[in-house]
Amino acid sequence: MTSIHFYGIPNCDTVKKARKWLDARGVDYVFHDYKKEGADPARLREWIAAVGVDTVLNRRGTTYRKLSDAQKADIDADKAVMLLQEQPSMIKRPVVEYPGGLLVGFAEDEWDAAFS
């Protein structure tokens, strides 16, 4: 049973890079495609509780920038979960759950430490 769960969008360049990195190291994982499978609110809450709204919410993407000022105002955990569920493209990618932790985004040094 694979205990690594990889969440993302297949055509995202960062997701492609991260998957290539895992494949090159022979790391088995289960891929969850937000576009097809959606984002689980309970899981979003867990991630936000673990690493914070600012880590999980991608404020640099076009989907976030298209939000109204009212939607962008006062984003707490509950509002973030609602927004991320409606627009999974705003979840920073990739998110990887592995035994012992959670990785959000792709930074090779963090990944090396997590999978060494």
N, C-alpha and C. Protein backbone atom coordinates (compact mmCIF):
# COMPACT_ATOMS: atom_id res chain seq x y z
N MET A 1 0.84 -1.20 0.00
CA MET A 1 0.00 0.00 0.00
C MET A 1 0.88 1.25 0.00
N THR A 2 0.61 2.14 -0.93
CA THR A 2 1.37 3.38 -1.02
C THR A 2 0.88 4.35 0.05
N SER A 3 1.82 4.90 0.80
CA SER A 3 1.43 5.82 1.87
C SER A 3 1.73 7.27 1.52
N ILE A 4 2.12 7.51 0.27
CA ILE A 4 2.38 8.88 -0.18
C ILE A 4 1.25 9.30 -1.11
N HIS A 5 0.61 10.41 -0.76
CA HIS A 5 -0.49 10.93 -1.57
C HIS A 5 -0.07 12.28 -2.12
N PHE A 6 -0.14 12.40 -3.43
CA PHE A 6 0.32 13.56 -4.18
C PHE A 6 -0.90 14.25 -4.78
N TYR A 7 -1.12 15.51 -4.41
CA TYR A 7 -2.29 16.27 -4.85
C TYR A 7 -1.85 17.38 -5.79
N GLY A 8 -2.55 17.49 -6.92
CA GLY A 8 -2.18 18.55 -7.85
C GLY A 8 -3.04 18.55 -9.09
N ILE A 9 -2.54 19.22 -10.10
CA ILE A 9 -3.19 19.34 -11.40
C ILE A 9 -2.15 18.89 -12.44
N PRO A 10 -2.50 17.90 -13.26
CA PRO A 10 -1.50 17.29 -14.15
C PRO A 10 -0.75 18.25 -15.07
N ASN A 11 -1.40 19.31 -15.55
CA ASN A 11 -0.72 20.19 -16.50
C ASN A 11 0.08 21.31 -15.84
N CYS A 12 0.14 21.33 -14.52
CA CYS A 12 0.92 22.35 -13.80
C CYS A 12 2.41 22.01 -13.91
N ASP A 13 3.22 22.99 -14.31
CA ASP A 13 4.65 22.75 -14.50
C ASP A 13 5.34 22.30 -13.21
N THR A 14 4.96 22.88 -12.08
CA THR A 14 5.58 22.50 -10.81
C THR A 14 5.21 21.07 -10.45
N VAL A 15 3.97 20.69 -10.70
CA VAL A 15 3.53 19.31 -10.44
C VAL A 15 4.31 18.35 -11.33
N LYS A 16 4.48 18.70 -12.59
CA LYS A 16 5.25 17.85 -13.52
C LYS A 16 6.68 17.67 -13.01
N LYS A 17 7.29 18.77 -12.58
CA LYS A 17 8.66 18.72 -12.07
C LYS A 17 8.76 17.83 -10.83
N ALA A 18 7.80 17.98 -9.93
CA ALA A 18 7.80 17.21 -8.68
C ALA A 18 7.55 15.73 -8.96
N ARG A 19 6.67 15.42 -9.88
CA ARG A 19 6.40 14.01 -10.22
C ARG A 19 7.64 13.38 -10.84
N LYS A 20 8.31 14.14 -11.69
CA LYS A 20 9.54 13.65 -12.32
C LYS A 20 10.59 13.36 -11.25
N TRP A 21 10.68 14.25 -10.27
CA TRP A 21 11.63 14.10 -9.16
C TRP A 21 11.34 12.81 -8.40
N LEU A 22 10.06 12.57 -8.04
CA LEU A 22 9.68 11.35 -7.33
C LEU A 22 9.96 10.11 -8.17
N ASP A 23 9.58 10.16 -9.45
CA ASP A 23 9.77 9.02 -10.35
C ASP A 23 11.25 8.67 -10.48
N ALA A 24 12.10 9.69 -10.57
CA ALA A 24 13.55 9.47 -10.71
C ALA A 24 14.14 8.77 -9.49
N ARG A 25 13.50 8.94 -8.34
CA ARG A 25 13.97 8.33 -7.10
C ARG A 25 13.22 7.05 -6.75
N GLY A 26 12.32 6.64 -7.64
CA GLY A 26 11.58 5.41 -7.42
C GLY A 26 10.59 5.48 -6.27
N VAL A 27 10.08 6.68 -5.99
CA VAL A 27 9.12 6.84 -4.90
C VAL A 27 7.71 6.58 -5.44
N ASP A 28 7.03 5.62 -4.84
CA ASP A 28 5.65 5.32 -5.23
C ASP A 28 4.70 6.30 -4.57
N TYR A 29 3.69 6.71 -5.31
CA TYR A 29 2.71 7.64 -4.76
C TYR A 29 1.38 7.46 -5.48
N VAL A 30 0.33 7.93 -4.85
CA VAL A 30 -1.00 7.96 -5.46
C VAL A 30 -1.25 9.41 -5.84
N PHE A 31 -1.64 9.64 -7.10
CA PHE A 31 -1.89 11.00 -7.58
C PHE A 31 -3.38 11.33 -7.50
N HIS A 32 -3.68 12.48 -6.92
CA HIS A 32 -5.05 12.98 -6.81
C HIS A 32 -5.16 14.24 -7.67
N ASP A 33 -5.98 14.18 -8.70
CA ASP A 33 -6.17 15.29 -9.63
C ASP A 33 -7.35 16.15 -9.17
N TYR A 34 -7.04 17.37 -8.71
CA TYR A 34 -8.09 18.28 -8.23
C TYR A 34 -9.15 18.55 -9.28
N LYS A 35 -8.73 18.65 -10.54
CA LYS A 35 -9.67 19.00 -11.60
C LYS A 35 -10.74 17.90 -11.75
N LYS A 36 -10.33 16.65 -11.60
CA LYS A 36 -11.27 15.54 -11.77
C LYS A 36 -11.91 15.10 -10.46
N GLU A 37 -11.14 15.14 -9.37
CA GLU A 37 -11.60 14.56 -8.11
C GLU A 37 -12.00 15.60 -7.05
N GLY A 38 -11.77 16.87 -7.33
CA GLY A 38 -12.12 17.91 -6.39
C GLY A 38 -11.20 17.96 -5.18
N ALA A 39 -11.53 18.82 -4.24
CA ALA A 39 -10.73 19.00 -3.02
C ALA A 39 -11.60 18.71 -1.81
N ASP A 40 -11.16 17.81 -0.98
CA ASP A 40 -11.90 17.39 0.20
C ASP A 40 -11.79 18.45 1.30
N PRO A 41 -12.93 19.00 1.76
CA PRO A 41 -12.87 20.07 2.77
C PRO A 41 -12.19 19.64 4.08
N ALA A 42 -12.40 18.40 4.50
CA ALA A 42 -11.75 17.94 5.74
C ALA A 42 -10.23 17.92 5.58
N ARG A 43 -9.79 17.49 4.42
CA ARG A 43 -8.35 17.45 4.15
C ARG A 43 -7.78 18.87 4.07
N LEU A 44 -8.51 19.77 3.42
CA LEU A 44 -8.07 21.17 3.34
C LEU A 44 -7.91 21.75 4.75
N ARG A 45 -8.87 21.46 5.63
CA ARG A 45 -8.79 21.94 7.01
C ARG A 45 -7.55 21.39 7.72
N GLU A 46 -7.26 20.11 7.51
CA GLU A 46 -6.07 19.49 8.12
C GLU A 46 -4.80 20.20 7.64
N TRP A 47 -4.72 20.43 6.34
CA TRP A 47 -3.52 21.08 5.79
C TRP A 47 -3.36 22.49 6.36
N ILE A 48 -4.46 23.23 6.39
CA ILE A 48 -4.41 24.61 6.90
C ILE A 48 -4.03 24.60 8.38
N ALA A 49 -4.56 23.65 9.14
CA ALA A 49 -4.22 23.54 10.56
C ALA A 49 -2.73 23.22 10.72
N ALA A 50 -2.20 22.41 9.82
CA ALA A 50 -0.80 21.98 9.93
C ALA A 50 0.19 23.06 9.49
N VAL A 51 -0.10 23.75 8.38
CA VAL A 51 0.91 24.67 7.82
C VAL A 51 0.43 26.10 7.63
N GLY A 52 -0.87 26.36 7.84
CA GLY A 52 -1.39 27.71 7.74
C GLY A 52 -2.02 28.05 6.39
N VAL A 53 -2.95 28.99 6.43
CA VAL A 53 -3.65 29.45 5.23
C VAL A 53 -2.66 29.96 4.18
N ASP A 54 -1.68 30.76 4.63
CA ASP A 54 -0.77 31.39 3.68
C ASP A 54 0.09 30.39 2.93
N THR A 55 0.30 29.22 3.49
CA THR A 55 1.08 28.20 2.80
C THR A 55 0.21 27.44 1.80
N VAL A 56 -1.02 27.15 2.16
CA VAL A 56 -1.90 26.35 1.31
C VAL A 56 -2.54 27.16 0.18
N LEU A 57 -2.88 28.42 0.46
CA LEU A 57 -3.54 29.28 -0.52
C LEU A 57 -2.51 29.94 -1.42
N ASN A 58 -2.64 29.68 -2.72
CA ASN A 58 -1.73 30.27 -3.70
C ASN A 58 -2.26 31.64 -4.12
N ARG A 59 -1.68 32.68 -3.54
CA ARG A 59 -2.13 34.04 -3.84
C ARG A 59 -1.48 34.60 -5.10
N ARG A 60 -0.55 33.87 -5.69
CA ARG A 60 0.16 34.39 -6.87
C ARG A 60 -0.47 33.97 -8.19
N GLY A 61 -1.40 33.01 -8.14
CA GLY A 61 -1.99 32.51 -9.37
C GLY A 61 -3.07 33.41 -9.93
N THR A 62 -3.41 33.20 -11.19
CA THR A 62 -4.42 34.02 -11.86
C THR A 62 -5.80 33.82 -11.25
N THR A 63 -6.11 32.60 -10.80
CA THR A 63 -7.43 32.35 -10.23
C THR A 63 -7.65 33.23 -9.00
N TYR A 64 -6.64 33.33 -8.14
CA TYR A 64 -6.75 34.17 -6.95
C TYR A 64 -6.85 35.65 -7.35
N ARG A 65 -6.03 36.06 -8.29
CA ARG A 65 -6.02 37.48 -8.69
C ARG A 65 -7.36 37.91 -9.29
N LYS A 66 -8.13 36.97 -9.83
CA LYS A 66 -9.44 37.29 -10.41
C LYS A 66 -10.54 37.44 -9.37
N LEU A 67 -10.27 37.05 -8.12
CA LEU A 67 -11.27 37.19 -7.06
C LEU A 67 -11.58 38.67 -6.81
N SER A 68 -12.78 38.93 -6.33
CA SER A 68 -13.13 40.30 -5.96
C SER A 68 -12.39 40.68 -4.68
N ASP A 69 -12.31 41.97 -4.42
CA ASP A 69 -11.66 42.44 -3.19
C ASP A 69 -12.38 41.87 -1.96
N ALA A 70 -13.70 41.75 -2.04
CA ALA A 70 -14.48 41.20 -0.92
C ALA A 70 -14.09 39.74 -0.67
N GLN A 71 -13.90 38.98 -1.75
CA GLN A 71 -13.51 37.58 -1.61
C GLN A 71 -12.10 37.46 -1.01
N LYS A 72 -11.23 38.40 -1.36
CA LYS A 72 -9.84 38.36 -0.87
C LYS A 72 -9.70 38.87 0.56
N ALA A 73 -10.72 39.57 1.06
CA ALA A 73 -10.63 40.19 2.38
C ALA A 73 -10.86 39.17 3.49
N ASP A 74 -10.09 39.32 4.57
CA ASP A 74 -10.30 38.55 5.79
C ASP A 74 -10.38 37.04 5.55
N ILE A 75 -9.40 36.50 4.87
CA ILE A 75 -9.41 35.05 4.62
C ILE A 75 -8.87 34.32 5.84
N ASP A 76 -9.80 33.66 6.54
CA ASP A 76 -9.41 32.80 7.66
C ASP A 76 -9.51 31.36 7.18
N ALA A 77 -9.33 30.41 8.08
CA ALA A 77 -9.34 28.99 7.69
C ALA A 77 -10.67 28.59 7.04
N ASP A 78 -11.79 29.00 7.62
CA ASP A 78 -13.09 28.61 7.08
C ASP A 78 -13.32 29.18 5.69
N LYS A 79 -13.00 30.45 5.52
CA LYS A 79 -13.19 31.09 4.21
C LYS A 79 -12.24 30.47 3.19
N ALA A 80 -11.02 30.16 3.61
CA ALA A 80 -10.05 29.54 2.71
C ALA A 80 -10.55 28.18 2.23
N VAL A 81 -11.07 27.38 3.15
CA VAL A 81 -11.59 26.06 2.77
C VAL A 81 -12.70 26.21 1.73
N MET A 82 -13.61 27.15 1.95
CA MET A 82 -14.71 27.38 1.01
C MET A 82 -14.15 27.78 -0.38
N LEU A 83 -13.22 28.74 -0.39
CA LEU A 83 -12.65 29.21 -1.66
C LEU A 83 -11.88 28.10 -2.37
N LEU A 84 -11.09 27.35 -1.63
CA LEU A 84 -10.26 26.29 -2.22
C LEU A 84 -11.11 25.14 -2.74
N GLN A 85 -12.21 24.89 -2.08
CA GLN A 85 -13.11 23.84 -2.55
C GLN A 85 -13.77 24.26 -3.86
N GLU A 86 -14.17 25.53 -3.94
CA GLU A 86 -14.80 26.05 -5.15
C GLU A 86 -13.80 26.17 -6.29
N GLN A 87 -12.58 26.54 -5.95
CA GLN A 87 -11.53 26.80 -6.95
C GLN A 87 -10.24 26.06 -6.56
N PRO A 88 -10.17 24.75 -6.79
CA PRO A 88 -8.97 24.00 -6.39
C PRO A 88 -7.68 24.50 -7.05
N SER A 89 -7.81 25.27 -8.11
CA SER A 89 -6.62 25.84 -8.75
C SER A 89 -5.87 26.79 -7.82
N MET A 90 -6.54 27.25 -6.77
CA MET A 90 -5.90 28.18 -5.82
C MET A 90 -5.10 27.46 -4.73
N ILE A 91 -5.14 26.13 -4.73
CA ILE A 91 -4.33 25.39 -3.76
C ILE A 91 -2.90 25.38 -4.27
N LYS A 92 -1.97 25.78 -3.41
CA LYS A 92 -0.57 25.77 -3.81
C LYS A 92 -0.21 24.33 -4.18
N ARG A 93 0.54 24.17 -5.24
CA ARG A 93 0.85 22.84 -5.75
C ARG A 93 2.34 22.57 -5.80
N PRO A 94 2.65 21.29 -5.67
CA PRO A 94 1.80 20.19 -5.23
C PRO A 94 1.69 20.16 -3.71
N VAL A 95 0.75 19.34 -3.23
CA VAL A 95 0.67 19.02 -1.81
C VAL A 95 0.94 17.53 -1.71
N VAL A 96 1.88 17.16 -0.85
CA VAL A 96 2.23 15.75 -0.68
C VAL A 96 2.13 15.38 0.79
N GLU A 97 1.30 14.37 1.04
CA GLU A 97 1.20 13.78 2.38
C GLU A 97 2.10 12.55 2.37
N TYR A 98 2.98 12.47 3.34
CA TYR A 98 3.87 11.31 3.44
C TYR A 98 4.01 10.94 4.91
N PRO A 99 4.44 9.71 5.19
CA PRO A 99 4.59 9.32 6.59
C PRO A 99 5.51 10.32 7.30
N GLY A 100 4.97 10.99 8.27
CA GLY A 100 5.79 11.93 9.02
C GLY A 100 5.64 13.38 8.62
N GLY A 101 4.82 13.68 7.62
CA GLY A 101 4.72 15.09 7.29
C GLY A 101 3.89 15.46 6.09
N LEU A 102 4.02 16.73 5.74
CA LEU A 102 3.27 17.35 4.66
C LEU A 102 4.20 18.31 3.93
N LEU A 103 4.22 18.21 2.62
CA LEU A 103 5.00 19.14 1.79
C LEU A 103 4.03 19.95 0.95
N VAL A 104 4.22 21.26 0.91
CA VAL A 104 3.38 22.12 0.07
C VAL A 104 4.31 22.91 -0.82
N GLY A 105 4.12 22.78 -2.14
CA GLY A 105 5.04 23.39 -3.09
C GLY A 105 6.20 22.44 -3.33
N PHE A 106 7.05 22.79 -4.27
CA PHE A 106 8.19 21.92 -4.59
C PHE A 106 9.50 22.66 -4.37
N ALA A 107 10.20 22.26 -3.32
CA ALA A 107 11.54 22.77 -3.04
C ALA A 107 12.42 21.54 -2.86
N GLU A 108 13.37 21.34 -3.78
CA GLU A 108 14.16 20.12 -3.79
C GLU A 108 14.82 19.81 -2.45
N ASP A 109 15.35 20.83 -1.76
CA ASP A 109 16.03 20.58 -0.50
C ASP A 109 15.06 20.02 0.55
N GLU A 110 13.84 20.56 0.60
CA GLU A 110 12.82 20.05 1.53
C GLU A 110 12.45 18.61 1.16
N TRP A 111 12.31 18.36 -0.12
CA TRP A 111 11.93 17.03 -0.58
C TRP A 111 13.04 16.03 -0.32
N ASP A 112 14.29 16.44 -0.55
CA ASP A 112 15.43 15.56 -0.25
C ASP A 112 15.40 15.16 1.22
N ALA A 113 15.17 16.12 2.09
CA ALA A 113 15.14 15.85 3.53
C ALA A 113 13.97 14.92 3.88
N ALA A 114 12.83 15.11 3.25
CA ALA A 114 11.64 14.32 3.57
C ALA A 114 11.75 12.88 3.08
N PHE A 115 12.40 12.69 1.95
CA PHE A 115 12.43 11.35 1.33
C PHE A 115 13.78 10.66 1.41
N SER A 116 14.71 11.21 2.22
CA SER A 116 16.02 10.57 2.31
C SER A 116 16.01 9.43 3.31
